[in-house]
Amino acid sequence: MTLSPASRFGGFASGHFVITALCAPLLFFSPLLVESLPILPLVLLLMALYLPAGWIVAALRYWGRPTLKEGMKAVLYPALFAWGWAFGSWILFCIPSLSSLGMWLLLSTYFLACPSFMFMLAVLAQLIDVTVWSAYSLTWYLFMILAGLLPPLLFFLGSILPKKRLTTAQNMIE
């Protein structure tokens, strides 16, 4: 059975928001945890949650292996949405009269995409001083692209991991 891109996008969104719902309160209410751990391992742990989320969603929705075209769409559509949000917010932030709106949109990603937000904070911590030149550096944009690409890519890779079927009746459904 071929799944529609909307079905895969919806599956990613459900897994993504569950991960964010689990991570955001934990990081928000326990600043001591965030302060005591190095940020890079924490970010890698948050991003790694997309692998089991993809596996679980694929198992619950009985997804089969996608074709190459379906797989590309499954990764590209959520990434395009994330890039639109990130770059759109960044552009608004860079326009002086709209900078507060851009800042609020960027900060809202903590509650909408906590792992990507923490990923970008880790990058920001590496930029020693946020001057005009470092804020507009290619490194910043590269990591914005990665922050939008990694969650759907890891989710997709998790969704194609092998799943043992419990009964032959479930195999008949597919």
N, C-alpha and C. Protein backbone atom coordinates (compact mmCIF):
# COMPACT_ATOMS: atom_id res chain seq x y z
N MET A 1 0.83 -1.18 0.00
CA MET A 1 0.00 0.00 0.00
C MET A 1 0.88 1.24 0.00
N THR A 2 0.65 2.15 -0.90
CA THR A 2 1.41 3.38 -0.99
C THR A 2 0.76 4.44 -0.11
N LEU A 3 1.56 5.04 0.73
CA LEU A 3 1.05 6.08 1.61
C LEU A 3 1.17 7.43 0.93
N SER A 4 0.24 8.31 1.24
CA SER A 4 0.31 9.66 0.69
C SER A 4 1.36 10.46 1.45
N PRO A 5 1.93 11.47 0.82
CA PRO A 5 2.87 12.33 1.54
C PRO A 5 2.22 12.98 2.76
N ALA A 6 0.93 13.30 2.66
CA ALA A 6 0.23 13.91 3.80
C ALA A 6 0.17 12.94 4.98
N SER A 7 0.01 11.65 4.71
CA SER A 7 -0.04 10.66 5.78
C SER A 7 1.32 10.56 6.48
N ARG A 8 2.38 10.53 5.70
CA ARG A 8 3.71 10.48 6.31
C ARG A 8 4.04 11.78 7.04
N PHE A 9 3.62 12.92 6.47
CA PHE A 9 3.85 14.20 7.13
C PHE A 9 3.09 14.24 8.46
N GLY A 10 1.85 13.75 8.45
CA GLY A 10 1.07 13.70 9.69
C GLY A 10 1.69 12.78 10.72
N GLY A 11 2.23 11.65 10.27
CA GLY A 11 2.92 10.75 11.18
C GLY A 11 4.15 11.39 11.79
N PHE A 12 4.91 12.09 10.95
CA PHE A 12 6.08 12.81 11.48
C PHE A 12 5.64 13.87 12.48
N ALA A 13 4.61 14.64 12.13
CA ALA A 13 4.14 15.71 13.02
C ALA A 13 3.70 15.16 14.37
N SER A 14 3.00 14.03 14.36
CA SER A 14 2.56 13.46 15.64
C SER A 14 3.75 13.03 16.48
N GLY A 15 4.71 12.35 15.88
CA GLY A 15 5.91 11.96 16.62
C GLY A 15 6.73 13.15 17.07
N HIS A 16 6.84 14.14 16.21
CA HIS A 16 7.60 15.34 16.51
C HIS A 16 7.02 16.09 17.71
N PHE A 17 5.70 16.24 17.73
CA PHE A 17 5.09 16.98 18.83
C PHE A 17 5.10 16.19 20.14
N VAL A 18 5.10 14.88 20.07
CA VAL A 18 5.26 14.08 21.28
C VAL A 18 6.66 14.28 21.85
N ILE A 19 7.67 14.25 21.00
CA ILE A 19 9.04 14.48 21.45
C ILE A 19 9.16 15.87 22.07
N THR A 20 8.61 16.88 21.41
CA THR A 20 8.67 18.24 21.94
C THR A 20 7.92 18.34 23.26
N ALA A 21 6.76 17.70 23.35
CA ALA A 21 5.98 17.74 24.60
C ALA A 21 6.71 17.07 25.75
N LEU A 22 7.55 16.08 25.45
CA LEU A 22 8.33 15.43 26.50
C LEU A 22 9.57 16.24 26.87
N CYS A 23 10.22 16.85 25.87
CA CYS A 23 11.49 17.54 26.10
C CYS A 23 11.32 18.94 26.67
N ALA A 24 10.38 19.71 26.15
CA ALA A 24 10.25 21.12 26.54
C ALA A 24 10.02 21.30 28.03
N PRO A 25 9.06 20.59 28.65
CA PRO A 25 8.88 20.79 30.09
C PRO A 25 10.08 20.33 30.90
N LEU A 26 10.70 19.24 30.47
CA LEU A 26 11.86 18.75 31.19
C LEU A 26 12.97 19.80 31.21
N LEU A 27 13.25 20.39 30.06
CA LEU A 27 14.31 21.39 29.99
C LEU A 27 13.90 22.72 30.61
N PHE A 28 12.61 23.03 30.53
CA PHE A 28 12.10 24.30 31.05
C PHE A 28 12.08 24.30 32.58
N PHE A 29 11.67 23.19 33.17
CA PHE A 29 11.52 23.13 34.62
C PHE A 29 12.74 22.62 35.36
N SER A 30 13.74 22.21 34.65
CA SER A 30 14.94 21.74 35.33
C SER A 30 16.19 22.40 34.76
N PRO A 31 16.35 23.70 35.01
CA PRO A 31 17.55 24.37 34.47
C PRO A 31 18.85 23.82 35.05
N LEU A 32 18.77 23.22 36.25
CA LEU A 32 19.98 22.63 36.81
C LEU A 32 20.47 21.47 35.95
N LEU A 33 19.54 20.71 35.38
CA LEU A 33 19.91 19.62 34.49
C LEU A 33 20.64 20.16 33.26
N VAL A 34 20.11 21.24 32.71
CA VAL A 34 20.71 21.83 31.51
C VAL A 34 22.07 22.43 31.84
N GLU A 35 22.19 23.07 33.01
CA GLU A 35 23.46 23.69 33.38
C GLU A 35 24.53 22.66 33.72
N SER A 36 24.13 21.51 34.25
CA SER A 36 25.11 20.53 34.69
C SER A 36 25.63 19.65 33.55
N LEU A 37 24.87 19.54 32.48
CA LEU A 37 25.28 18.71 31.35
C LEU A 37 25.90 19.56 30.25
N PRO A 38 26.91 19.03 29.57
CA PRO A 38 27.39 19.73 28.37
C PRO A 38 26.27 19.73 27.34
N ILE A 39 26.14 20.82 26.61
CA ILE A 39 24.98 20.99 25.74
C ILE A 39 25.00 20.06 24.53
N LEU A 40 26.17 19.75 23.99
CA LEU A 40 26.22 18.91 22.78
C LEU A 40 25.68 17.50 23.03
N PRO A 41 26.09 16.79 24.09
CA PRO A 41 25.49 15.46 24.32
C PRO A 41 23.98 15.53 24.56
N LEU A 42 23.52 16.58 25.21
CA LEU A 42 22.09 16.75 25.43
C LEU A 42 21.35 16.92 24.11
N VAL A 43 21.91 17.73 23.22
CA VAL A 43 21.29 17.94 21.90
C VAL A 43 21.29 16.65 21.10
N LEU A 44 22.37 15.89 21.15
CA LEU A 44 22.43 14.62 20.43
C LEU A 44 21.41 13.63 20.97
N LEU A 45 21.22 13.63 22.28
CA LEU A 45 20.21 12.77 22.88
C LEU A 45 18.80 13.16 22.43
N LEU A 46 18.52 14.47 22.41
CA LEU A 46 17.20 14.93 21.97
C LEU A 46 16.96 14.58 20.51
N MET A 47 17.96 14.77 19.66
CA MET A 47 17.81 14.44 18.24
C MET A 47 17.66 12.93 18.05
N ALA A 48 18.35 12.14 18.86
CA ALA A 48 18.28 10.68 18.73
C ALA A 48 16.89 10.15 19.06
N LEU A 49 16.08 10.91 19.77
CA LEU A 49 14.71 10.47 20.08
C LEU A 49 13.84 10.30 18.84
N TYR A 50 14.24 10.93 17.74
CA TYR A 50 13.46 10.79 16.51
C TYR A 50 13.54 9.39 15.91
N LEU A 51 14.62 8.66 16.17
CA LEU A 51 14.73 7.29 15.65
C LEU A 51 13.66 6.38 16.25
N PRO A 52 13.55 6.26 17.59
CA PRO A 52 12.49 5.41 18.12
C PRO A 52 11.09 5.96 17.84
N ALA A 53 10.95 7.28 17.76
CA ALA A 53 9.63 7.85 17.44
C ALA A 53 9.19 7.42 16.05
N GLY A 54 10.09 7.45 15.08
CA GLY A 54 9.77 7.01 13.73
C GLY A 54 9.43 5.53 13.70
N TRP A 55 10.16 4.74 14.46
CA TRP A 55 9.90 3.31 14.51
C TRP A 55 8.52 3.03 15.10
N ILE A 56 8.19 3.72 16.19
CA ILE A 56 6.90 3.50 16.87
C ILE A 56 5.74 3.94 15.98
N VAL A 57 5.83 5.13 15.39
CA VAL A 57 4.75 5.61 14.53
C VAL A 57 4.56 4.69 13.34
N ALA A 58 5.65 4.24 12.74
CA ALA A 58 5.54 3.33 11.59
C ALA A 58 4.91 2.00 11.99
N ALA A 59 5.23 1.52 13.18
CA ALA A 59 4.65 0.26 13.65
C ALA A 59 3.17 0.42 13.96
N LEU A 60 2.80 1.51 14.59
CA LEU A 60 1.40 1.73 14.94
C LEU A 60 0.52 1.98 13.72
N ARG A 61 1.08 2.58 12.70
CA ARG A 61 0.30 2.89 11.49
C ARG A 61 0.51 1.86 10.38
N TYR A 62 1.26 0.80 10.66
CA TYR A 62 1.50 -0.28 9.71
C TYR A 62 2.10 0.22 8.39
N TRP A 63 3.10 1.08 8.51
CA TRP A 63 3.76 1.58 7.30
C TRP A 63 4.68 0.50 6.75
N GLY A 64 4.68 0.38 5.45
CA GLY A 64 5.63 -0.49 4.78
C GLY A 64 6.84 0.32 4.35
N ARG A 65 7.73 -0.35 3.65
CA ARG A 65 8.91 0.37 3.13
C ARG A 65 8.47 1.30 2.01
N PRO A 66 8.91 2.55 2.06
CA PRO A 66 8.53 3.49 1.00
C PRO A 66 9.44 3.33 -0.21
N THR A 67 8.94 3.83 -1.33
CA THR A 67 9.79 3.92 -2.51
C THR A 67 10.77 5.06 -2.29
N LEU A 68 11.73 5.18 -3.18
CA LEU A 68 12.71 6.27 -3.06
C LEU A 68 12.02 7.63 -3.12
N LYS A 69 11.07 7.77 -4.03
CA LYS A 69 10.34 9.04 -4.17
C LYS A 69 9.53 9.36 -2.92
N GLU A 70 8.86 8.35 -2.36
CA GLU A 70 8.10 8.56 -1.12
C GLU A 70 9.02 8.94 0.03
N GLY A 71 10.17 8.28 0.09
CA GLY A 71 11.13 8.58 1.14
C GLY A 71 11.67 10.00 1.04
N MET A 72 11.95 10.43 -0.17
CA MET A 72 12.44 11.80 -0.36
C MET A 72 11.39 12.81 0.09
N LYS A 73 10.13 12.56 -0.28
CA LYS A 73 9.05 13.45 0.13
C LYS A 73 8.85 13.43 1.64
N ALA A 74 8.99 12.26 2.25
CA ALA A 74 8.80 12.14 3.69
C ALA A 74 9.83 12.96 4.47
N VAL A 75 11.01 13.10 3.92
CA VAL A 75 12.05 13.91 4.57
C VAL A 75 11.95 15.37 4.14
N LEU A 76 11.71 15.59 2.86
CA LEU A 76 11.76 16.95 2.32
C LEU A 76 10.60 17.83 2.79
N TYR A 77 9.38 17.32 2.83
CA TYR A 77 8.23 18.16 3.18
C TYR A 77 8.33 18.74 4.60
N PRO A 78 8.62 17.93 5.63
CA PRO A 78 8.78 18.54 6.96
C PRO A 78 9.99 19.48 7.03
N ALA A 79 11.06 19.14 6.30
CA ALA A 79 12.24 20.00 6.30
C ALA A 79 11.93 21.34 5.65
N LEU A 80 11.19 21.33 4.55
CA LEU A 80 10.80 22.59 3.92
C LEU A 80 9.95 23.45 4.84
N PHE A 81 9.06 22.82 5.57
CA PHE A 81 8.24 23.56 6.53
C PHE A 81 9.11 24.19 7.61
N ALA A 82 10.05 23.42 8.15
CA ALA A 82 10.95 23.93 9.19
C ALA A 82 11.84 25.04 8.65
N TRP A 83 12.36 24.86 7.44
CA TRP A 83 13.21 25.90 6.86
C TRP A 83 12.42 27.18 6.61
N GLY A 84 11.20 27.05 6.16
CA GLY A 84 10.36 28.23 5.95
C GLY A 84 10.15 28.99 7.25
N TRP A 85 9.90 28.25 8.32
CA TRP A 85 9.70 28.88 9.63
C TRP A 85 10.99 29.54 10.11
N ALA A 86 12.10 28.81 10.02
CA ALA A 86 13.37 29.34 10.53
C ALA A 86 13.86 30.54 9.73
N PHE A 87 13.92 30.39 8.41
CA PHE A 87 14.44 31.49 7.60
C PHE A 87 13.47 32.66 7.54
N GLY A 88 12.17 32.38 7.54
CA GLY A 88 11.18 33.46 7.58
C GLY A 88 11.29 34.26 8.87
N SER A 89 11.42 33.55 9.99
CA SER A 89 11.57 34.23 11.28
C SER A 89 12.87 35.01 11.33
N TRP A 90 13.94 34.41 10.78
CA TRP A 90 15.24 35.08 10.78
C TRP A 90 15.21 36.35 9.93
N ILE A 91 14.54 36.29 8.79
CA ILE A 91 14.42 37.48 7.93
C ILE A 91 13.65 38.57 8.66
N LEU A 92 12.55 38.18 9.32
CA LEU A 92 11.79 39.17 10.10
C LEU A 92 12.63 39.75 11.22
N PHE A 93 13.44 38.90 11.86
CA PHE A 93 14.31 39.37 12.93
C PHE A 93 15.33 40.39 12.43
N CYS A 94 15.78 40.22 11.20
CA CYS A 94 16.79 41.11 10.63
C CYS A 94 16.23 42.43 10.12
N ILE A 95 14.91 42.54 10.00
CA ILE A 95 14.28 43.80 9.59
C ILE A 95 13.98 44.59 10.86
N PRO A 96 14.58 45.76 11.04
CA PRO A 96 14.44 46.48 12.31
C PRO A 96 13.00 46.70 12.78
N SER A 97 12.10 47.03 11.89
CA SER A 97 10.72 47.30 12.32
C SER A 97 9.96 46.02 12.67
N LEU A 98 10.44 44.86 12.25
CA LEU A 98 9.76 43.59 12.53
C LEU A 98 10.60 42.65 13.39
N SER A 99 11.68 43.16 13.97
CA SER A 99 12.60 42.30 14.70
C SER A 99 11.96 41.64 15.92
N SER A 100 11.05 42.33 16.60
CA SER A 100 10.43 41.70 17.77
C SER A 100 9.54 40.54 17.35
N LEU A 101 8.81 40.67 16.26
CA LEU A 101 7.99 39.57 15.75
C LEU A 101 8.88 38.39 15.36
N GLY A 102 9.97 38.67 14.67
CA GLY A 102 10.91 37.62 14.30
C GLY A 102 11.50 36.92 15.51
N MET A 103 11.82 37.69 16.54
CA MET A 103 12.37 37.10 17.76
C MET A 103 11.35 36.19 18.44
N TRP A 104 10.10 36.63 18.51
CA TRP A 104 9.05 35.80 19.12
C TRP A 104 8.83 34.52 18.33
N LEU A 105 8.87 34.62 17.01
CA LEU A 105 8.72 33.42 16.18
C LEU A 105 9.88 32.46 16.39
N LEU A 106 11.09 33.00 16.49
CA LEU A 106 12.25 32.15 16.75
C LEU A 106 12.18 31.51 18.13
N LEU A 107 11.78 32.28 19.13
CA LEU A 107 11.68 31.73 20.48
C LEU A 107 10.54 30.72 20.63
N SER A 108 9.51 30.85 19.81
CA SER A 108 8.39 29.91 19.89
C SER A 108 8.81 28.50 19.49
N THR A 109 9.91 28.38 18.79
CA THR A 109 10.34 27.04 18.38
C THR A 109 10.74 26.19 19.59
N TYR A 110 10.97 26.82 20.74
CA TYR A 110 11.24 26.02 21.95
C TYR A 110 10.05 25.13 22.24
N PHE A 111 8.84 25.67 22.09
CA PHE A 111 7.63 24.91 22.38
C PHE A 111 7.07 24.19 21.15
N LEU A 112 7.59 24.47 19.98
CA LEU A 112 7.12 23.81 18.75
C LEU A 112 8.12 22.79 18.21
N ALA A 113 9.38 22.98 18.51
CA ALA A 113 10.43 22.07 18.01
C ALA A 113 11.62 22.13 18.96
N CYS A 114 11.44 21.63 20.16
CA CYS A 114 12.46 21.75 21.21
C CYS A 114 13.82 21.18 20.81
N PRO A 115 13.92 19.99 20.21
CA PRO A 115 15.26 19.51 19.84
C PRO A 115 15.98 20.42 18.85
N SER A 116 15.27 20.95 17.87
CA SER A 116 15.91 21.86 16.91
C SER A 116 16.30 23.17 17.58
N PHE A 117 15.47 23.65 18.49
CA PHE A 117 15.78 24.87 19.23
C PHE A 117 17.07 24.68 20.04
N MET A 118 17.17 23.54 20.73
CA MET A 118 18.38 23.27 21.52
C MET A 118 19.60 23.10 20.62
N PHE A 119 19.39 22.53 19.44
CA PHE A 119 20.46 22.39 18.45
C PHE A 119 21.00 23.76 18.07
N MET A 120 20.09 24.69 17.80
CA MET A 120 20.52 26.04 17.42
C MET A 120 21.15 26.78 18.60
N LEU A 121 20.70 26.51 19.83
CA LEU A 121 21.36 27.11 20.99
C LEU A 121 22.79 26.60 21.12
N ALA A 122 22.99 25.32 20.84
CA ALA A 122 24.35 24.76 20.89
C ALA A 122 25.24 25.44 19.87
N VAL A 123 24.70 25.72 18.70
CA VAL A 123 25.48 26.43 17.67
C VAL A 123 25.77 27.85 18.12
N LEU A 124 24.76 28.50 18.68
CA LEU A 124 24.93 29.87 19.14
C LEU A 124 25.98 29.95 20.25
N ALA A 125 26.05 28.92 21.09
CA ALA A 125 27.06 28.89 22.15
C ALA A 125 28.47 28.79 21.55
N GLN A 126 28.58 28.21 20.37
CA GLN A 126 29.89 28.09 19.72
C GLN A 126 30.33 29.38 19.03
N LEU A 127 29.36 30.20 18.63
CA LEU A 127 29.72 31.50 18.05
C LEU A 127 30.11 32.41 19.20
N ILE A 128 31.36 32.77 19.28
CA ILE A 128 31.90 33.46 20.44
C ILE A 128 31.21 34.80 20.67
N ASP A 129 31.13 35.62 19.68
CA ASP A 129 30.38 36.86 19.84
C ASP A 129 29.46 37.04 18.65
N VAL A 130 28.23 37.36 18.97
CA VAL A 130 27.23 37.50 17.92
C VAL A 130 27.28 38.93 17.41
N THR A 131 28.20 39.14 16.49
CA THR A 131 28.30 40.44 15.85
C THR A 131 27.62 40.34 14.50
N VAL A 132 27.62 41.39 13.77
CA VAL A 132 27.00 41.38 12.45
C VAL A 132 27.63 40.31 11.57
N TRP A 133 28.96 40.15 11.65
CA TRP A 133 29.62 39.20 10.76
C TRP A 133 29.36 37.76 11.17
N SER A 134 29.39 37.47 12.49
CA SER A 134 29.19 36.08 12.89
C SER A 134 27.72 35.69 12.80
N ALA A 135 26.80 36.63 13.00
CA ALA A 135 25.38 36.30 12.93
C ALA A 135 24.94 36.00 11.51
N TYR A 136 25.66 36.52 10.55
CA TYR A 136 25.31 36.27 9.16
C TYR A 136 26.31 35.33 8.48
N SER A 137 27.04 34.57 9.28
CA SER A 137 28.05 33.69 8.70
C SER A 137 27.40 32.46 8.06
N LEU A 138 28.12 31.83 7.18
CA LEU A 138 27.62 30.63 6.53
C LEU A 138 27.41 29.49 7.51
N THR A 139 28.19 29.48 8.59
CA THR A 139 28.03 28.44 9.61
C THR A 139 26.63 28.49 10.21
N TRP A 140 26.17 29.70 10.51
CA TRP A 140 24.84 29.87 11.10
C TRP A 140 23.76 29.32 10.17
N TYR A 141 23.85 29.63 8.88
CA TYR A 141 22.86 29.17 7.92
C TYR A 141 22.96 27.66 7.68
N LEU A 142 24.16 27.13 7.67
CA LEU A 142 24.34 25.69 7.51
C LEU A 142 23.65 24.95 8.65
N PHE A 143 23.83 25.44 9.87
CA PHE A 143 23.21 24.77 11.00
C PHE A 143 21.71 25.00 11.07
N MET A 144 21.21 26.10 10.50
CA MET A 144 19.76 26.27 10.38
C MET A 144 19.21 25.20 9.44
N ILE A 145 19.93 24.93 8.38
CA ILE A 145 19.50 23.89 7.44
C ILE A 145 19.53 22.51 8.13
N LEU A 146 20.59 22.24 8.88
CA LEU A 146 20.68 20.96 9.59
C LEU A 146 19.60 20.82 10.66
N ALA A 147 19.28 21.90 11.35
CA ALA A 147 18.24 21.86 12.40
C ALA A 147 16.88 21.52 11.80
N GLY A 148 16.65 21.91 10.57
CA GLY A 148 15.39 21.56 9.91
C GLY A 148 15.42 20.20 9.25
N LEU A 149 16.59 19.73 8.86
CA LEU A 149 16.71 18.47 8.13
C LEU A 149 16.85 17.26 9.04
N LEU A 150 17.59 17.37 10.13
CA LEU A 150 17.86 16.20 10.97
C LEU A 150 16.62 15.54 11.56
N PRO A 151 15.66 16.29 12.13
CA PRO A 151 14.49 15.60 12.70
C PRO A 151 13.73 14.73 11.69
N PRO A 152 13.34 15.27 10.51
CA PRO A 152 12.62 14.37 9.60
C PRO A 152 13.49 13.24 9.05
N LEU A 153 14.78 13.48 8.88
CA LEU A 153 15.67 12.44 8.38
C LEU A 153 15.79 11.31 9.40
N LEU A 154 16.03 11.65 10.66
CA LEU A 154 16.15 10.63 11.71
C LEU A 154 14.83 9.91 11.92
N PHE A 155 13.72 10.64 11.85
CA PHE A 155 12.40 10.03 11.98
C PHE A 155 12.18 9.03 10.84
N PHE A 156 12.52 9.43 9.64
CA PHE A 156 12.36 8.54 8.49
C PHE A 156 13.23 7.30 8.64
N LEU A 157 14.48 7.47 9.05
CA LEU A 157 15.36 6.32 9.24
C LEU A 157 14.79 5.38 10.31
N GLY A 158 14.21 5.94 11.36
CA GLY A 158 13.56 5.11 12.38
C GLY A 158 12.35 4.39 11.83
N SER A 159 11.64 5.04 10.91
CA SER A 159 10.42 4.42 10.38
C SER A 159 10.71 3.25 9.45
N ILE A 160 11.91 3.17 8.90
CA ILE A 160 12.23 2.05 8.01
C ILE A 160 13.00 0.95 8.72
N LEU A 161 13.21 1.08 10.03
CA LEU A 161 13.83 -0.01 10.77
C LEU A 161 12.90 -1.22 10.76
N PRO A 162 13.46 -2.42 10.78
CA PRO A 162 12.60 -3.61 10.73
C PRO A 162 11.71 -3.71 11.96
N LYS A 163 10.49 -4.22 11.72
CA LYS A 163 9.52 -4.42 12.78
C LYS A 163 9.04 -5.86 12.72
N LYS A 164 9.03 -6.52 13.84
CA LYS A 164 8.53 -7.89 13.88
C LYS A 164 7.02 -7.82 14.02
N ARG A 165 6.32 -8.48 13.13
CA ARG A 165 4.86 -8.51 13.17
C ARG A 165 4.42 -9.55 14.19
N LEU A 166 3.39 -9.23 14.97
CA LEU A 166 2.92 -10.11 16.03
C LEU A 166 2.11 -11.29 15.50
N THR A 167 1.28 -11.03 14.52
CA THR A 167 0.45 -12.11 13.98
C THR A 167 0.47 -12.05 12.47
N THR A 168 0.03 -13.13 11.86
CA THR A 168 -0.05 -13.12 10.41
C THR A 168 -1.21 -12.27 9.94
N ALA A 169 -2.22 -12.05 10.80
CA ALA A 169 -3.34 -11.19 10.43
C ALA A 169 -2.87 -9.77 10.19
N GLN A 170 -1.92 -9.30 10.97
CA GLN A 170 -1.38 -7.96 10.76
C GLN A 170 -0.62 -7.91 9.44
N ASN A 171 0.05 -8.97 9.07
CA ASN A 171 0.76 -9.00 7.79
C ASN A 171 -0.22 -8.98 6.62
N MET A 172 -1.39 -9.53 6.80
CA MET A 172 -2.41 -9.54 5.74
C MET A 172 -2.93 -8.14 5.48
N ILE A 173 -2.96 -7.29 6.52
CA ILE A 173 -3.46 -5.93 6.37
C ILE A 173 -2.60 -5.15 5.38
N GLU A 174 -1.32 -5.36 5.46
CA GLU A 174 -0.40 -4.65 4.59
C GLU A 174 -0.51 -5.21 3.21
